[in-house]
PDB file of N, CA and C in Angstrom:
ATOM      1  N   MET A   1     -34.454  64.015  88.954  1.00  0.00           N
ATOM      2  CA  MET A   1     -33.739  63.802  87.716  1.00  0.00           C
ATOM      3  C   MET A   1     -34.743  63.492  86.609  1.00  0.00           C
ATOM      4  N   LEU A   2     -34.477  64.028  85.457  1.00  0.00           N
ATOM      5  CA  LEU A   2     -35.313  63.827  84.279  1.00  0.00           C
ATOM      6  C   LEU A   2     -35.141  62.401  83.760  1.00  0.00           C
ATOM      7  N   ILE A   3     -36.244  61.746  83.488  1.00  0.00           N
ATOM      8  CA  ILE A   3     -36.190  60.403  82.901  1.00  0.00           C
ATOM      9  C   ILE A   3     -36.625  60.507  81.450  1.00  0.00           C
ATOM     10  N   VAL A   4     -35.751  60.009  80.578  1.00  0.00           N
ATOM     11  CA  VAL A   4     -36.016  59.992  79.149  1.00  0.00           C
ATOM     12  C   VAL A   4     -36.244  58.535  78.766  1.00  0.00           C
ATOM     13  N   TYR A   5     -37.436  58.240  78.269  1.00  0.00           N
ATOM     14  CA  TYR A   5     -37.769  56.881  77.845  1.00  0.00           C
ATOM     15  C   TYR A   5     -37.478  56.759  76.358  1.00  0.00           C
ATOM     16  N   GLY A   6     -36.819  55.682  75.987  1.00  0.00           N
ATOM     17  CA  GLY A   6     -36.488  55.454  74.586  1.00  0.00           C
ATOM     18  C   GLY A   6     -35.601  54.234  74.454  1.00  0.00           C
ATOM     19  N   ILE A   7     -34.866  54.176  73.359  1.00  0.00           N
ATOM     20  CA  ILE A   7     -33.872  53.128  73.173  1.00  0.00           C
ATOM     21  C   ILE A   7     -32.558  53.798  72.792  1.00  0.00           C
ATOM     22  N   LYS A   8     -31.462  53.235  73.304  1.00  0.00           N
ATOM     23  CA  LYS A   8     -30.176  53.934  73.217  1.00  0.00           C
ATOM     24  C   LYS A   8     -29.657  54.115  71.802  1.00  0.00           C
ATOM     25  N   ASN A   9     -30.053  53.272  70.861  1.00  0.00           N
ATOM     26  CA  ASN A   9     -29.526  53.415  69.502  1.00  0.00           C
ATOM     27  C   ASN A   9     -30.439  54.229  68.582  1.00  0.00           C
ATOM     28  N   CYS A  10     -31.484  54.845  69.132  1.00  0.00           N
ATOM     29  CA  CYS A  10     -32.404  55.682  68.355  1.00  0.00           C
ATOM     30  C   CYS A  10     -31.768  57.059  68.152  1.00  0.00           C
ATOM     31  N   ASP A  11     -31.736  57.529  66.905  1.00  0.00           N
ATOM     32  CA  ASP A  11     -31.134  58.825  66.603  1.00  0.00           C
ATOM     33  C   ASP A  11     -31.812  59.970  67.342  1.00  0.00           C
ATOM     34  N   SER A  12     -33.133  59.956  67.433  1.00  0.00           N
ATOM     35  CA  SER A  12     -33.846  61.029  68.134  1.00  0.00           C
ATOM     36  C   SER A  12     -33.519  61.034  69.624  1.00  0.00           C
ATOM     37  N   VAL A  13     -33.394  59.868  70.196  1.00  0.00           N
ATOM     38  CA  VAL A  13     -33.033  59.767  71.614  1.00  0.00           C
ATOM     39  C   VAL A  13     -31.605  60.268  71.811  1.00  0.00           C
ATOM     40  N   LYS A  14     -30.707  59.883  70.923  1.00  0.00           N
ATOM     41  CA  LYS A  14     -29.320  60.357  71.014  1.00  0.00           C
ATOM     42  C   LYS A  14     -29.266  61.879  70.937  1.00  0.00           C
ATOM     43  N   LYS A  15     -30.004  62.467  70.003  1.00  0.00           N
ATOM     44  CA  LYS A  15     -30.024  63.932  69.865  1.00  0.00           C
ATOM     45  C   LYS A  15     -30.559  64.581  71.136  1.00  0.00           C
ATOM     46  N   ALA A  16     -31.620  64.029  71.677  1.00  0.00           N
ATOM     47  CA  ALA A  16     -32.211  64.583  72.896  1.00  0.00           C
ATOM     48  C   ALA A  16     -31.234  64.502  74.060  1.00  0.00           C
ATOM     49  N   MET A  17     -30.587  63.352  74.230  1.00  0.00           N
ATOM     50  CA  MET A  17     -29.647  63.183  75.336  1.00  0.00           C
ATOM     51  C   MET A  17     -28.439  64.106  75.165  1.00  0.00           C
ATOM     52  N   GLN A  18     -27.972  64.273  73.939  1.00  0.00           N
ATOM     53  CA  GLN A  18     -26.853  65.187  73.683  1.00  0.00           C
ATOM     54  C   GLN A  18     -27.265  66.623  73.976  1.00  0.00           C
ATOM     55  N   TRP A  19     -28.453  67.006  73.553  1.00  0.00           N
ATOM     56  CA  TRP A  19     -28.942  68.363  73.798  1.00  0.00           C
ATOM     57  C   TRP A  19     -29.037  68.618  75.293  1.00  0.00           C
ATOM     58  N   LEU A  20     -29.598  67.678  76.023  1.00  0.00           N
ATOM     59  CA  LEU A  20     -29.735  67.831  77.472  1.00  0.00           C
ATOM     60  C   LEU A  20     -28.362  67.939  78.141  1.00  0.00           C
ATOM     61  N   ALA A  21     -27.420  67.103  77.741  1.00  0.00           N
ATOM     62  CA  ALA A  21     -26.070  67.154  78.309  1.00  0.00           C
ATOM     63  C   ALA A  21     -25.403  68.488  78.000  1.00  0.00           C
ATOM     64  N   LEU A  22     -25.548  68.958  76.773  1.00  0.00           N
ATOM     65  CA  LEU A  22     -24.965  70.235  76.361  1.00  0.00           C
ATOM     66  C   LEU A  22     -25.490  71.390  77.220  1.00  0.00           C
ATOM     67  N   HIS A  23     -26.743  71.294  77.620  1.00  0.00           N
ATOM     68  CA  HIS A  23     -27.358  72.338  78.432  1.00  0.00           C
ATOM     69  C   HIS A  23     -27.323  72.004  79.926  1.00  0.00           C
ATOM     70  N   GLN A  24     -26.498  71.044  80.278  1.00  0.00           N
ATOM     71  CA  GLN A  24     -26.254  70.645  81.665  1.00  0.00           C
ATOM     72  C   GLN A  24     -27.542  70.314  82.420  1.00  0.00           C
ATOM     73  N   ILE A  25     -28.397  69.589  81.734  1.00  0.00           N
ATOM     74  CA  ILE A  25     -29.640  69.108  82.335  1.00  0.00           C
ATOM     75  C   ILE A  25     -29.446  67.628  82.614  1.00  0.00           C
ATOM     76  N   GLU A  26     -29.506  67.289  83.890  1.00  0.00           N
ATOM     77  CA  GLU A  26     -29.263  65.916  84.296  1.00  0.00           C
ATOM     78  C   GLU A  26     -30.429  65.032  83.862  1.00  0.00           C
ATOM     79  N   ALA A  27     -30.119  64.007  83.092  1.00  0.00           N
ATOM     80  CA  ALA A  27     -31.159  63.115  82.574  1.00  0.00           C
ATOM     81  C   ALA A  27     -30.653  61.680  82.583  1.00  0.00           C
ATOM     82  N   LYS A  28     -31.581  60.786  82.788  1.00  0.00           N
ATOM     83  CA  LYS A  28     -31.270  59.354  82.781  1.00  0.00           C
ATOM     84  C   LYS A  28     -32.087  58.709  81.671  1.00  0.00           C
ATOM     85  N   LEU A  29     -31.438  57.899  80.852  1.00  0.00           N
ATOM     86  CA  LEU A  29     -32.146  57.166  79.807  1.00  0.00           C
ATOM     87  C   LEU A  29     -32.708  55.874  80.381  1.00  0.00           C
ATOM     88  N   HIS A  30     -33.997  55.699  80.221  1.00  0.00           N
ATOM     89  CA  HIS A  30     -34.649  54.434  80.561  1.00  0.00           C
ATOM     90  C   HIS A  30     -34.872  53.725  79.232  1.00  0.00           C
ATOM     91  N   ASP A  31     -34.024  52.761  78.940  1.00  0.00           N
ATOM     92  CA  ASP A  31     -34.081  52.041  77.670  1.00  0.00           C
ATOM     93  C   ASP A  31     -35.162  50.973  77.767  1.00  0.00           C
ATOM     94  N   PHE A  32     -36.294  51.241  77.124  1.00  0.00           N
ATOM     95  CA  PHE A  32     -37.383  50.285  77.282  1.00  0.00           C
ATOM     96  C   PHE A  32     -37.190  49.011  76.482  1.00  0.00           C
ATOM     97  N   ARG A  33     -36.187  48.955  75.650  1.00  0.00           N
ATOM     98  CA  ARG A  33     -35.850  47.687  75.002  1.00  0.00           C
ATOM     99  C   ARG A  33     -35.179  46.771  76.029  1.00  0.00           C
ATOM    100  N   LEU A  34     -34.345  47.345  76.886  1.00  0.00           N
ATOM    101  CA  LEU A  34     -33.636  46.563  77.903  1.00  0.00           C
ATOM    102  C   LEU A  34     -34.395  46.474  79.214  1.00  0.00           C
ATOM    103  N   ASP A  35     -34.986  47.598  79.626  1.00  0.00           N
ATOM    104  CA  ASP A  35     -35.598  47.691  80.949  1.00  0.00           C
ATOM    105  C   ASP A  35     -37.114  47.545  80.944  1.00  0.00           C
ATOM    106  N   GLY A  36     -37.707  47.448  79.760  1.00  0.00           N
ATOM    107  CA  GLY A  36     -39.160  47.398  79.676  1.00  0.00           C
ATOM    108  C   GLY A  36     -39.746  48.763  79.979  1.00  0.00           C
ATOM    109  N   ILE A  37     -41.041  48.837  80.019  1.00  0.00           N
ATOM    110  CA  ILE A  37     -41.719  50.091  80.366  1.00  0.00           C
ATOM    111  C   ILE A  37     -42.942  49.740  81.185  1.00  0.00           C
ATOM    112  N   GLU A  38     -43.180  50.531  82.199  1.00  0.00           N
ATOM    113  CA  GLU A  38     -44.291  50.292  83.105  1.00  0.00           C
ATOM    114  C   GLU A  38     -45.604  50.736  82.465  1.00  0.00           C
ATOM    115  N   LYS A  39     -46.644  49.990  82.746  1.00  0.00           N
ATOM    116  CA  LYS A  39     -47.971  50.339  82.235  1.00  0.00           C
ATOM    117  C   LYS A  39     -48.405  51.721  82.727  1.00  0.00           C
ATOM    118  N   ASP A  40     -48.039  52.054  83.968  1.00  0.00           N
ATOM    119  CA  ASP A  40     -48.401  53.365  84.517  1.00  0.00           C
ATOM    120  C   ASP A  40     -47.808  54.508  83.699  1.00  0.00           C
ATOM    121  N   VAL A  41     -46.570  54.326  83.216  1.00  0.00           N
ATOM    122  CA  VAL A  41     -45.928  55.348  82.390  1.00  0.00           C
ATOM    123  C   VAL A  41     -46.708  55.504  81.088  1.00  0.00           C
ATOM    124  N   LEU A  42     -47.089  54.393  80.489  1.00  0.00           N
ATOM    125  CA  LEU A  42     -47.860  54.453  79.241  1.00  0.00           C
ATOM    126  C   LEU A  42     -49.249  55.062  79.462  1.00  0.00           C
ATOM    127  N   LEU A  43     -49.860  54.769  80.590  1.00  0.00           N
ATOM    128  CA  LEU A  43     -51.160  55.374  80.899  1.00  0.00           C
ATOM    129  C   LEU A  43     -51.040  56.887  81.011  1.00  0.00           C
ATOM    130  N   GLN A  44     -49.986  57.344  81.682  1.00  0.00           N
ATOM    131  CA  GLN A  44     -49.761  58.790  81.800  1.00  0.00           C
ATOM    132  C   GLN A  44     -49.503  59.403  80.424  1.00  0.00           C
ATOM    133  N   ALA A  45     -48.674  58.742  79.625  1.00  0.00           N
ATOM    134  CA  ALA A  45     -48.352  59.252  78.289  1.00  0.00           C
ATOM    135  C   ALA A  45     -49.604  59.301  77.420  1.00  0.00           C
ATOM    136  N   LYS A  46     -50.430  58.284  77.514  1.00  0.00           N
ATOM    137  CA  LYS A  46     -51.684  58.254  76.741  1.00  0.00           C
ATOM    138  C   LYS A  46     -52.593  59.400  77.153  1.00  0.00           C
ATOM    139  N   GLU A  47     -52.642  59.672  78.433  1.00  0.00           N
ATOM    140  CA  GLU A  47     -53.457  60.774  78.952  1.00  0.00           C
ATOM    141  C   GLU A  47     -52.938  62.126  78.446  1.00  0.00           C
ATOM    142  N   ILE A  48     -51.638  62.287  78.422  1.00  0.00           N
ATOM    143  CA  ILE A  48     -51.021  63.561  78.032  1.00  0.00           C
ATOM    144  C   ILE A  48     -51.078  63.784  76.521  1.00  0.00           C
ATOM    145  N   PHE A  49     -50.651  62.786  75.747  1.00  0.00           N
ATOM    146  CA  PHE A  49     -50.450  62.963  74.310  1.00  0.00           C
ATOM    147  C   PHE A  49     -51.565  62.393  73.441  1.00  0.00           C
ATOM    148  N   GLY A  50     -52.370  61.499  73.999  1.00  0.00           N
ATOM    149  CA  GLY A  50     -53.360  60.775  73.200  1.00  0.00           C
ATOM    150  C   GLY A  50     -52.711  59.523  72.635  1.00  0.00           C
ATOM    151  N   TRP A  51     -53.464  58.468  72.523  1.00  0.00           N
ATOM    152  CA  TRP A  51     -52.869  57.189  72.139  1.00  0.00           C
ATOM    153  C   TRP A  51     -52.311  57.198  70.727  1.00  0.00           C
ATOM    154  N   GLU A  52     -52.922  57.946  69.807  1.00  0.00           N
ATOM    155  CA  GLU A  52     -52.475  57.930  68.411  1.00  0.00           C
ATOM    156  C   GLU A  52     -51.054  58.474  68.268  1.00  0.00           C
ATOM    157  N   LYS A  53     -50.711  59.491  69.056  1.00  0.00           N
ATOM    158  CA  LYS A  53     -49.381  60.101  68.956  1.00  0.00           C
ATOM    159  C   LYS A  53     -48.291  59.230  69.558  1.00  0.00           C
ATOM    160  N   LEU A  54     -48.655  58.282  70.396  1.00  0.00           N
ATOM    161  CA  LEU A  54     -47.648  57.414  71.016  1.00  0.00           C
ATOM    162  C   LEU A  54     -47.058  56.398  70.042  1.00  0.00           C
ATOM    163  N   VAL A  55     -47.760  56.124  68.963  1.00  0.00           N
ATOM    164  CA  VAL A  55     -47.328  55.084  68.025  1.00  0.00           C
ATOM    165  C   VAL A  55     -46.389  55.677  66.984  1.00  0.00           C
ATOM    166  N   ASN A  56     -45.204  55.088  66.889  1.00  0.00           N
ATOM    167  CA  ASN A  56     -44.221  55.512  65.896  1.00  0.00           C
ATOM    168  C   ASN A  56     -44.480  54.741  64.602  1.00  0.00           C
ATOM    169  N   LYS A  57     -45.226  55.369  63.711  1.00  0.00           N
ATOM    170  CA  LYS A  57     -45.611  54.700  62.467  1.00  0.00           C
ATOM    171  C   LYS A  57     -44.497  54.728  61.423  1.00  0.00           C
ATOM    172  N   ARG A  58     -43.359  55.314  61.771  1.00  0.00           N
ATOM    173  CA  ARG A  58     -42.198  55.300  60.876  1.00  0.00           C
ATOM    174  C   ARG A  58     -41.220  54.190  61.247  1.00  0.00           C
ATOM    175  N   SER A  59     -41.526  53.445  62.297  1.00  0.00           N
ATOM    176  CA  SER A  59     -40.599  52.428  62.797  1.00  0.00           C
ATOM    177  C   SER A  59     -40.681  51.136  61.990  1.00  0.00           C
ATOM    178  N   THR A  60     -39.592  50.405  62.036  1.00  0.00           N
ATOM    179  CA  THR A  60     -39.537  49.074  61.421  1.00  0.00           C
ATOM    180  C   THR A  60     -40.555  48.160  62.091  1.00  0.00           C
ATOM    181  N   THR A  61     -40.700  48.312  63.397  1.00  0.00           N
ATOM    182  CA  THR A  61     -41.665  47.480  64.130  1.00  0.00           C
ATOM    183  C   THR A  61     -43.068  47.689  63.577  1.00  0.00           C
ATOM    184  N   TRP A  62     -43.441  48.942  63.318  1.00  0.00           N
ATOM    185  CA  TRP A  62     -44.754  49.245  62.745  1.00  0.00           C
ATOM    186  C   TRP A  62     -44.903  48.587  61.375  1.00  0.00           C
ATOM    187  N   ARG A  63     -43.903  48.750  60.533  1.00  0.00           N
ATOM    188  CA  ARG A  63     -43.977  48.186  59.181  1.00  0.00           C
ATOM    189  C   ARG A  63     -44.085  46.669  59.199  1.00  0.00           C
ATOM    190  N   ASN A  64     -43.545  46.036  60.239  1.00  0.00           N
ATOM    191  CA  ASN A  64     -43.578  44.574  60.325  1.00  0.00           C
ATOM    192  C   ASN A  64     -44.823  44.016  61.011  1.00  0.00           C
ATOM    193  N   LEU A  65     -45.673  44.892  61.519  1.00  0.00           N
ATOM    194  CA  LEU A  65     -46.911  44.406  62.149  1.00  0.00           C
ATOM    195  C   LEU A  65     -47.860  43.866  61.082  1.00  0.00           C
ATOM    196  N   PRO A  66     -48.597  42.829  61.421  1.00  0.00           N
ATOM    197  CA  PRO A  66     -49.622  42.358  60.490  1.00  0.00           C
ATOM    198  C   PRO A  66     -50.646  43.459  60.213  1.00  0.00           C
ATOM    199  N   GLN A  67     -51.154  43.506  59.020  1.00  0.00           N
ATOM    200  CA  GLN A  67     -52.091  44.554  58.628  1.00  0.00           C
ATOM    201  C   GLN A  67     -53.336  44.563  59.502  1.00  0.00           C
ATOM    202  N   ASP A  68     -53.825  43.390  59.906  1.00  0.00           N
ATOM    203  CA  ASP A  68     -55.034  43.362  60.737  1.00  0.00           C
ATOM    204  C   ASP A  68     -54.787  43.997  62.107  1.00  0.00           C
ATOM    205  N   VAL A  69     -53.562  43.901  62.633  1.00  0.00           N
ATOM    206  CA  VAL A  69     -53.234  44.559  63.903  1.00  0.00           C
ATOM    207  C   VAL A  69     -53.270  46.074  63.711  1.00  0.00           C
ATOM    208  N   LYS A  70     -52.664  46.549  62.630  1.00  0.00           N
ATOM    209  CA  LYS A  70     -52.671  47.993  62.333  1.00  0.00           C
ATOM    210  C   LYS A  70     -54.096  48.494  62.146  1.00  0.00           C
ATOM    211  N   ASP A  71     -54.891  47.753  61.394  1.00  0.00           N
ATOM    212  CA  ASP A  71     -56.260  48.174  61.084  1.00  0.00           C
ATOM    213  C   ASP A  71     -57.169  48.209  62.306  1.00  0.00           C
ATOM    214  N   ASN A  72     -56.873  47.377  63.299  1.00  0.00           N
ATOM    215  CA  ASN A  72     -57.740  47.271  64.470  1.00  0.00           C
ATOM    216  C   ASN A  72     -57.176  47.957  65.715  1.00  0.00           C
ATOM    217  N   LEU A  73     -56.146  48.740  65.537  1.00  0.00           N
ATOM    218  CA  LEU A  73     -55.546  49.450  66.660  1.00  0.00           C
ATOM    219  C   LEU A  73     -56.508  50.512  67.180  1.00  0.00           C
ATOM    220  N   CYS A  74     -56.688  50.540  68.493  1.00  0.00           N
ATOM    221  CA  CYS A  74     -57.609  51.515  69.087  1.00  0.00           C
ATOM    222  C   CYS A  74     -57.191  51.797  70.525  1.00  0.00           C
ATOM    223  N   GLU A  75     -57.892  52.714  71.135  1.00  0.00           N
ATOM    224  CA  GLU A  75     -57.584  53.104  72.513  1.00  0.00           C
ATOM    225  C   GLU A  75     -57.664  51.911  73.470  1.00  0.00           C
ATOM    226  N   ASN A  76     -58.519  50.950  73.176  1.00  0.00           N
ATOM    227  CA  ASN A  76     -58.717  49.808  74.070  1.00  0.00           C
ATOM    228  C   ASN A  76     -57.589  48.785  74.018  1.00  0.00           C
ATOM    229  N   ASN A  77     -56.855  48.718  72.905  1.00  0.00           N
ATOM    230  CA  ASN A  77     -55.816  47.689  72.812  1.00  0.00           C
ATOM    231  C   ASN A  77     -54.402  48.252  72.652  1.00  0.00           C
ATOM    232  N   ILE A  78     -54.261  49.564  72.582  1.00  0.00           N
ATOM    233  CA  ILE A  78     -52.956  50.154  72.328  1.00  0.00           C
ATOM    234  C   ILE A  78     -51.946  49.863  73.436  1.00  0.00           C
ATOM    235  N   LEU A  79     -52.360  49.925  74.689  1.00  0.00           N
ATOM    236  CA  LEU A  79     -51.404  49.712  75.780  1.00  0.00           C
ATOM    237  C   LEU A  79     -50.831  48.307  75.769  1.00  0.00           C
ATOM    238  N   ASP A  80     -51.670  47.323  75.520  1.00  0.00           N
ATOM    239  CA  ASP A  80     -51.170  45.948  75.454  1.00  0.00           C
ATOM    240  C   ASP A  80     -50.145  45.797  74.334  1.00  0.00           C
ATOM    241  N   LEU A  81     -50.422  46.403  73.180  1.00  0.00           N
ATOM    242  CA  LEU A  81     -49.494  46.319  72.057  1.00  0.00           C
ATOM    243  C   LEU A  81     -48.179  47.025  72.381  1.00  0.00           C
ATOM    244  N   LEU A  82     -48.242  48.210  72.985  1.00  0.00           N
ATOM    245  CA  LEU A  82     -47.016  48.948  73.310  1.00  0.00           C
ATOM    246  C   LEU A  82     -46.203  48.248  74.400  1.00  0.00           C
ATOM    247  N   LEU A  83     -46.876  47.588  75.325  1.00  0.00           N
ATOM    248  CA  LEU A  83     -46.154  46.815  76.341  1.00  0.00           C
ATOM    249  C   LEU A  83     -45.467  45.608  75.709  1.00  0.00           C
ATOM    250  N   GLU A  84     -46.132  45.007  74.750  1.00  0.00           N
ATOM    251  CA  GLU A  84     -45.588  43.840  74.050  1.00  0.00           C
ATOM    252  C   GLU A  84     -44.490  44.237  73.055  1.00  0.00           C
ATOM    253  N   GLN A  85     -44.654  45.381  72.414  1.00  0.00           N
ATOM    254  CA  GLN A  85     -43.733  45.861  71.373  1.00  0.00           C
ATOM    255  C   GLN A  85     -43.305  47.300  71.699  1.00  0.00           C
ATOM    256  N   PRO A  86     -42.474  47.499  72.731  1.00  0.00           N
ATOM    257  CA  PRO A  86     -42.149  48.864  73.142  1.00  0.00           C
ATOM    258  C   PRO A  86     -41.416  49.692  72.075  1.00  0.00           C
ATOM    259  N   THR A  87     -40.817  49.061  71.094  1.00  0.00           N
ATOM    260  CA  THR A  87     -40.154  49.846  70.043  1.00  0.00           C
ATOM    261  C   THR A  87     -41.160  50.541  69.131  1.00  0.00           C
ATOM    262  N   LEU A  88     -42.442  50.300  69.344  1.00  0.00           N
ATOM    263  CA  LEU A  88     -43.495  51.029  68.622  1.00  0.00           C
ATOM    264  C   LEU A  88     -43.744  52.416  69.217  1.00  0.00           C
ATOM    265  N   ILE A  89     -43.202  52.653  70.417  1.00  0.00           N
ATOM    266  CA  ILE A  89     -43.446  53.924  71.095  1.00  0.00           C
ATOM    267  C   ILE A  89     -42.592  55.013  70.448  1.00  0.00           C
ATOM    268  N   LYS A  90     -43.239  56.123  70.128  1.00  0.00           N
ATOM    269  CA  LYS A  90     -42.502  57.269  69.603  1.00  0.00           C
ATOM    270  C   LYS A  90     -41.526  57.727  70.682  1.00  0.00           C
ATOM    271  N   ARG A  91     -40.339  58.130  70.247  1.00  0.00           N
ATOM    272  CA  ARG A  91     -39.307  58.473  71.219  1.00  0.00           C
ATOM    273  C   ARG A  91     -38.493  59.676  70.767  1.00  0.00           C
ATOM    274  N   PRO A  92     -37.872  60.309  71.750  1.00  0.00           N
ATOM    275  CA  PRO A  92     -37.916  60.068  73.185  1.00  0.00           C
ATOM    276  C   PRO A  92     -39.263  60.470  73.790  1.00  0.00           C
ATOM    277  N   LEU A  93     -39.567  59.844  74.898  1.00  0.00           N
ATOM    278  CA  LEU A  93     -40.785  60.109  75.641  1.00  0.00           C
ATOM    279  C   LEU A  93     -40.394  60.614  77.020  1.00  0.00           C
ATOM    280  N   MET A  94     -40.961  61.740  77.412  1.00  0.00           N
ATOM    281  CA  MET A  94     -40.771  62.266  78.761  1.00  0.00           C
ATOM    282  C   MET A  94     -42.142  62.606  79.328  1.00  0.00           C
ATOM    283  N   ILE A  95     -42.323  62.293  80.583  1.00  0.00           N
ATOM    284  CA  ILE A  95     -43.600  62.556  81.242  1.00  0.00           C
ATOM    285  C   ILE A  95     -43.557  63.906  81.963  1.00  0.00           C
ATOM    286  N   LYS A  96     -42.489  64.165  82.715  1.00  0.00           N
ATOM    287  CA  LYS A  96     -42.341  65.436  83.437  1.00  0.00           C
ATOM    288  C   LYS A  96     -40.992  66.012  83.102  1.00  0.00           C
ATOM    289  N   PRO A  97     -40.909  66.994  82.254  1.00  0.00           N
ATOM    290  CA  PRO A  97     -41.966  67.663  81.518  1.00  0.00           C
ATOM    291  C   PRO A  97     -42.482  66.775  80.388  1.00  0.00           C
ATOM    292  N   ALA A  98     -43.665  67.081  79.909  1.00  0.00           N
ATOM    293  CA  ALA A  98     -44.326  66.278  78.882  1.00  0.00           C
ATOM    294  C   ALA A  98     -43.775  66.633  77.501  1.00  0.00           C
ATOM    295  N   LEU A  99     -42.939  65.742  76.964  1.00  0.00           N
ATOM    296  CA  LEU A  99     -42.383  65.912  75.619  1.00  0.00           C
ATOM    297  C   LEU A  99     -42.384  64.564  74.921  1.00  0.00           C
ATOM    298  N   LEU A 100     -42.670  64.591  73.639  1.00  0.00           N
ATOM    299  CA  LEU A 100     -42.685  63.371  72.843  1.00  0.00           C
ATOM    300  C   LEU A 100     -41.961  63.663  71.536  1.00  0.00           C
ATOM    301  N   GLY A 101     -40.894  62.904  71.265  1.00  0.00           N
ATOM    302  CA  GLY A 101     -40.073  63.162  70.093  1.00  0.00           C
ATOM    303  C   GLY A 101     -39.071  64.259  70.397  1.00  0.00           C
ATOM    304  N   PHE A 102     -38.082  64.418  69.521  1.00  0.00           N
ATOM    305  CA  PHE A 102     -37.095  65.476  69.722  1.00  0.00           C
ATOM    306  C   PHE A 102     -37.365  66.614  68.754  1.00  0.00           C
ATOM    307  N   ASN A 103     -37.712  67.756  69.325  1.00  0.00           N
ATOM    308  CA  ASN A 103     -37.920  68.977  68.574  1.00  0.00           C
ATOM    309  C   ASN A 103     -37.156  70.061  69.329  1.00  0.00           C
ATOM    310  N   MET A 104     -36.086  70.580  68.702  1.00  0.00           N
ATOM    311  CA  MET A 104     -35.207  71.496  69.406  1.00  0.00           C
ATOM    312  C   MET A 104     -35.945  72.720  69.946  1.00  0.00           C
ATOM    313  N   SER A 105     -36.860  73.279  69.175  1.00  0.00           N
ATOM    314  CA  SER A 105     -37.559  74.474  69.662  1.00  0.00           C
ATOM    315  C   SER A 105     -38.431  74.145  70.875  1.00  0.00           C
ATOM    316  N   GLU A 106     -39.038  72.966  70.894  1.00  0.00           N
ATOM    317  CA  GLU A 106     -39.824  72.557  72.066  1.00  0.00           C
ATOM    318  C   GLU A 106     -38.922  72.356  73.282  1.00  0.00           C
ATOM    319  N   PHE A 107     -37.751  71.776  73.065  1.00  0.00           N
ATOM    320  CA  PHE A 107     -36.797  71.591  74.162  1.00  0.00           C
ATOM    321  C   PHE A 107     -36.354  72.953  74.696  1.00  0.00           C
ATOM    322  N   GLU A 108     -36.070  73.886  73.793  1.00  0.00           N
ATOM    323  CA  GLU A 108     -35.649  75.220  74.223  1.00  0.00           C
ATOM    324  C   GLU A 108     -36.744  75.913  75.014  1.00  0.00           C
ATOM    325  N   LYS A 109     -37.982  75.839  74.533  1.00  0.00           N
ATOM    326  CA  LYS A 109     -39.106  76.452  75.261  1.00  0.00           C
ATOM    327  C   LYS A 109     -39.294  75.827  76.640  1.00  0.00           C
ATOM    328  N   THR A 110     -39.115  74.530  76.706  1.00  0.00           N
ATOM    329  CA  THR A 110     -39.351  73.808  77.950  1.00  0.00           C
ATOM    330  C   THR A 110     -38.226  74.003  78.952  1.00  0.00           C
ATOM    331  N   PHE A 111     -36.987  73.920  78.499  1.00  0.00           N
ATOM    332  CA  PHE A 111     -35.863  73.884  79.431  1.00  0.00           C
ATOM    333  C   PHE A 111     -35.093  75.197  79.572  1.00  0.00           C
ATOM    334  N   LEU A 112     -35.203  76.085  78.601  1.00  0.00           N
ATOM    335  CA  LEU A 112     -34.405  77.317  78.641  1.00  0.00           C
ATOM    336  C   LEU A 112     -35.278  78.530  78.913  1.00  0.00           C
ATOM    337  N   LYS A 113     -36.170  78.399  79.857  1.00  0.00           N
ATOM    338  CA  LYS A 113     -37.056  79.497  80.216  1.00  0.00           C
ATOM    339  C   LYS A 113     -36.211  80.608  80.856  1.00  0.00           C
ATOM    340  N   ASN A 114     -36.324  81.805  80.345  1.00  0.00           N
ATOM    341  CA  ASN A 114     -35.549  82.927  80.898  1.00  0.00           C
ATOM    342  C   ASN A 114     -36.393  83.806  81.772  1.00  0.00           C
TER     343      ASN A 114
END
């Protein structure tokens, strides 16, 4: 079963889950606000997407971070910050298949292979 990491009230996550349901793709939402997120998942995501792409710089959480935290963000401290503040993670996040964010054309390419 496909695991979609995100938060249930995120519009992008809702769109992704609706798209998957519409195309009869079985998926489970792992709400990292409620369920947390494993460091191993973040390590895999960092390896796949790069640490910079994992950070949702449009989020309220990002805007509320102290400027010195934003200025000093790097590969060495990103995982600790994302574990502490999981709403900073761009969403939806999927590891297998590797998708970050909701982009309909990417979903179609990934899931509707003919």
